[in-house]
Amino acid sequence: MPGLDPEERYACLDVLPISWESGGAATNRCECAILLEIWSSGGLLQTGMAIPEGSVLTISAPGGSVHAHVSYCEQDDYGFLVHVAVDSPEDWFPAAYQPAYLATDAVHAG
């Protein structure tokens, strides 16, 4: 999309399946997450359960799976906000994936 600065954060909205290993038992967990913000190296997901910091996620984006690590996770009024850093930015935004709904004005982190 012309005019997007991939280094900026953008408000967006998409629902993506995610999966990760949970705890020492190597149990695979999965759920759908709401993508609320996106930038070239990561994103902000809303989930219904906490995902521990450092967990490795697989995000099933329409263009293919993207691996990411949880930077941090915090509880809010609606569940959990999970900040992720993608392992391969070239497989992410804006080159390989763009959310279903994307605001073209950058979000100013504050």
C-alpha atoms as a PDB file:
ATOM      1  CA  MET A   1       0.000   0.000   0.000  1.00  0.00           C
ATOM      2  CA  PRO A   2       1.619   3.293  -1.062  1.00  0.00           C
ATOM      3  CA  GLY A   3       2.346   5.860   1.603  1.00  0.00           C
ATOM      4  CA  LEU A   4       2.848   3.416   4.479  1.00  0.00           C
ATOM      5  CA  ASP A   5       6.001   3.766   6.528  1.00  0.00           C
ATOM      6  CA  PRO A   6       6.769   0.208   7.706  1.00  0.00           C
ATOM      7  CA  GLU A   7       8.678   1.565  10.726  1.00  0.00           C
ATOM      8  CA  GLU A   8       5.513   3.208  12.076  1.00  0.00           C
ATOM      9  CA  ARG A   9       2.777   1.492  14.078  1.00  0.00           C
ATOM     10  CA  TYR A  10      -0.678   1.329  12.515  1.00  0.00           C
ATOM     11  CA  ALA A  11      -4.072   0.654  14.061  1.00  0.00           C
ATOM     12  CA  CYS A  12      -5.703  -2.303  12.373  1.00  0.00           C
ATOM     13  CA  LEU A  13      -8.226  -5.055  12.841  1.00  0.00           C
ATOM     14  CA  ASP A  14      -7.965  -8.683  11.814  1.00  0.00           C
ATOM     15  CA  VAL A  15      -8.601 -12.056  13.427  1.00  0.00           C
ATOM     16  CA  LEU A  16      -5.749 -14.535  13.100  1.00  0.00           C
ATOM     17  CA  PRO A  17      -5.285 -18.074  14.395  1.00  0.00           C
ATOM     18  CA  ILE A  18      -2.215 -18.369  16.642  1.00  0.00           C
ATOM     19  CA  SER A  19      -0.548 -21.334  18.311  1.00  0.00           C
ATOM     20  CA  TRP A  20       2.235 -21.753  20.878  1.00  0.00           C
ATOM     21  CA  GLU A  21       3.732 -24.303  23.229  1.00  0.00           C
ATOM     22  CA  SER A  22       2.502 -23.983  26.769  1.00  0.00           C
ATOM     23  CA  GLY A  23       4.686 -24.675  29.769  1.00  0.00           C
ATOM     24  CA  GLY A  24       7.213 -27.459  30.263  1.00  0.00           C
ATOM     25  CA  ALA A  25       4.750 -30.113  29.082  1.00  0.00           C
ATOM     26  CA  ALA A  26       5.173 -28.939  25.463  1.00  0.00           C
ATOM     27  CA  THR A  27       1.396 -28.846  25.094  1.00  0.00           C
ATOM     28  CA  ASN A  28       0.382 -27.009  21.943  1.00  0.00           C
ATOM     29  CA  ARG A  29      -2.203 -24.278  22.585  1.00  0.00           C
ATOM     30  CA  CYS A  30      -4.148 -22.381  19.961  1.00  0.00           C
ATOM     31  CA  GLU A  31      -6.805 -19.723  19.727  1.00  0.00           C
ATOM     32  CA  CYS A  32      -7.877 -16.857  17.537  1.00  0.00           C
ATOM     33  CA  ALA A  33      -6.327 -13.497  18.364  1.00  0.00           C
ATOM     34  CA  ILE A  34      -7.431 -10.016  17.365  1.00  0.00           C
ATOM     35  CA  LEU A  35      -4.658  -7.993  15.752  1.00  0.00           C
ATOM     36  CA  LEU A  36      -5.041  -4.402  17.006  1.00  0.00           C
ATOM     37  CA  GLU A  37      -1.779  -2.763  15.889  1.00  0.00           C
ATOM     38  CA  ILE A  38       0.891  -3.701  13.374  1.00  0.00           C
ATOM     39  CA  TRP A  39       4.400  -2.568  12.437  1.00  0.00           C
ATOM     40  CA  SER A  40       7.162  -4.053  10.310  1.00  0.00           C
ATOM     41  CA  SER A  41       8.735  -6.065  13.122  1.00  0.00           C
ATOM     42  CA  GLY A  42       5.710  -7.026  15.209  1.00  0.00           C
ATOM     43  CA  GLY A  43       2.202  -6.397  16.397  1.00  0.00           C
ATOM     44  CA  LEU A  44      -0.231  -6.119  19.291  1.00  0.00           C
ATOM     45  CA  LEU A  45      -2.669  -9.001  19.751  1.00  0.00           C
ATOM     46  CA  GLN A  46      -5.745  -9.273  21.980  1.00  0.00           C
ATOM     47  CA  THR A  47      -6.188 -12.798  23.354  1.00  0.00           C
ATOM     48  CA  GLY A  48      -8.436 -14.557  25.832  1.00  0.00           C
ATOM     49  CA  MET A  49      -5.560 -16.117  27.747  1.00  0.00           C
ATOM     50  CA  ALA A  50      -2.149 -15.036  28.941  1.00  0.00           C
ATOM     51  CA  ILE A  51       0.814 -16.116  26.823  1.00  0.00           C
ATOM     52  CA  PRO A  52       4.093 -16.102  28.752  1.00  0.00           C
ATOM     53  CA  GLU A  53       6.858 -13.702  27.763  1.00  0.00           C
ATOM     54  CA  GLY A  54       9.419 -15.414  25.535  1.00  0.00           C
ATOM     55  CA  SER A  55       6.902 -17.914  24.130  1.00  0.00           C
ATOM     56  CA  VAL A  56       7.280 -18.759  20.457  1.00  0.00           C
ATOM     57  CA  LEU A  57       4.069 -18.143  18.498  1.00  0.00           C
ATOM     58  CA  THR A  58       2.996 -19.217  15.061  1.00  0.00           C
ATOM     59  CA  ILE A  59       0.670 -16.654  13.507  1.00  0.00           C
ATOM     60  CA  SER A  60      -1.405 -18.075  10.667  1.00  0.00           C
ATOM     61  CA  ALA A  61      -1.655 -15.078   8.352  1.00  0.00           C
ATOM     62  CA  PRO A  62      -3.416 -15.327   4.960  1.00  0.00           C
ATOM     63  CA  GLY A  63      -0.062 -15.225   3.119  1.00  0.00           C
ATOM     64  CA  GLY A  64       1.446 -17.995   5.241  1.00  0.00           C
ATOM     65  CA  SER A  65       2.631 -18.747   8.764  1.00  0.00           C
ATOM     66  CA  VAL A  66       4.824 -16.250  10.582  1.00  0.00           C
ATOM     67  CA  HIS A  67       6.872 -17.122  13.676  1.00  0.00           C
ATOM     68  CA  ALA A  68       7.136 -14.583  16.492  1.00  0.00           C
ATOM     69  CA  HIS A  69       8.221 -14.244  20.124  1.00  0.00           C
ATOM     70  CA  VAL A  70       6.144 -12.711  22.908  1.00  0.00           C
ATOM     71  CA  SER A  71       7.832  -9.508  24.091  1.00  0.00           C
ATOM     72  CA  TYR A  72       5.367  -9.048  26.920  1.00  0.00           C
ATOM     73  CA  CYS A  73       1.802  -9.806  27.907  1.00  0.00           C
ATOM     74  CA  GLU A  74      -0.466  -7.713  30.110  1.00  0.00           C
ATOM     75  CA  GLN A  75      -4.032  -8.155  31.278  1.00  0.00           C
ATOM     76  CA  ASP A  76      -6.645  -5.570  30.347  1.00  0.00           C
ATOM     77  CA  ASP A  77     -10.428  -5.301  30.721  1.00  0.00           C
ATOM     78  CA  TYR A  78     -11.069  -7.608  27.751  1.00  0.00           C
ATOM     79  CA  GLY A  79      -8.431 -10.309  28.158  1.00  0.00           C
ATOM     80  CA  PHE A  80      -4.730  -9.953  27.439  1.00  0.00           C
ATOM     81  CA  LEU A  81      -2.648  -7.644  25.268  1.00  0.00           C
ATOM     82  CA  VAL A  82       0.224  -9.616  23.772  1.00  0.00           C
ATOM     83  CA  HIS A  83       3.101  -7.726  22.170  1.00  0.00           C
ATOM     84  CA  VAL A  84       4.973  -9.837  19.628  1.00  0.00           C
ATOM     85  CA  ALA A  85       8.186  -9.490  17.614  1.00  0.00           C
ATOM     86  CA  VAL A  86       8.220 -11.420  14.336  1.00  0.00           C
ATOM     87  CA  ASP A  87      11.264 -13.529  13.468  1.00  0.00           C
ATOM     88  CA  SER A  88      11.198 -12.748   9.724  1.00  0.00           C
ATOM     89  CA  PRO A  89       9.966  -9.199   8.997  1.00  0.00           C
ATOM     90  CA  GLU A  90      10.043  -9.951   5.256  1.00  0.00           C
ATOM     91  CA  ASP A  91       7.182 -12.426   5.866  1.00  0.00           C
ATOM     92  CA  TRP A  92       5.154  -9.798   7.714  1.00  0.00           C
ATOM     93  CA  PHE A  93       3.895  -6.239   7.224  1.00  0.00           C
ATOM     94  CA  PRO A  94       3.706  -4.556   4.742  1.00  0.00           C
ATOM     95  CA  ALA A  95       5.444  -6.792   2.182  1.00  0.00           C
ATOM     96  CA  ALA A  96       3.752 -10.168   2.738  1.00  0.00           C
ATOM     97  CA  TYR A  97       0.696  -9.416   4.885  1.00  0.00           C
ATOM     98  CA  GLN A  98      -1.694  -6.534   5.398  1.00  0.00           C
ATOM     99  CA  PRO A  99      -4.600  -6.714   7.846  1.00  0.00           C
ATOM    100  CA  ALA A 100      -8.195  -6.795   6.635  1.00  0.00           C
ATOM    101  CA  TYR A 101      -8.726  -3.317   8.103  1.00  0.00           C
ATOM    102  CA  LEU A 102      -5.787  -0.925   8.280  1.00  0.00           C
ATOM    103  CA  ALA A 103      -5.809   2.728   9.358  1.00  0.00           C
ATOM    104  CA  THR A 104      -3.397   4.686   7.207  1.00  0.00           C
ATOM    105  CA  ASP A 105      -2.547   7.141   9.999  1.00  0.00           C
ATOM    106  CA  ALA A 106       0.315   5.999  12.219  1.00  0.00           C
ATOM    107  CA  VAL A 107      -0.359   5.339  15.909  1.00  0.00           C
ATOM    108  CA  HIS A 108       1.914   7.349  18.150  1.00  0.00           C
ATOM    109  CA  ALA A 109       3.278   5.135  20.916  1.00  0.00           C
ATOM    110  CA  GLY A 110       3.314   7.034  24.113  1.00  0.00           C
END
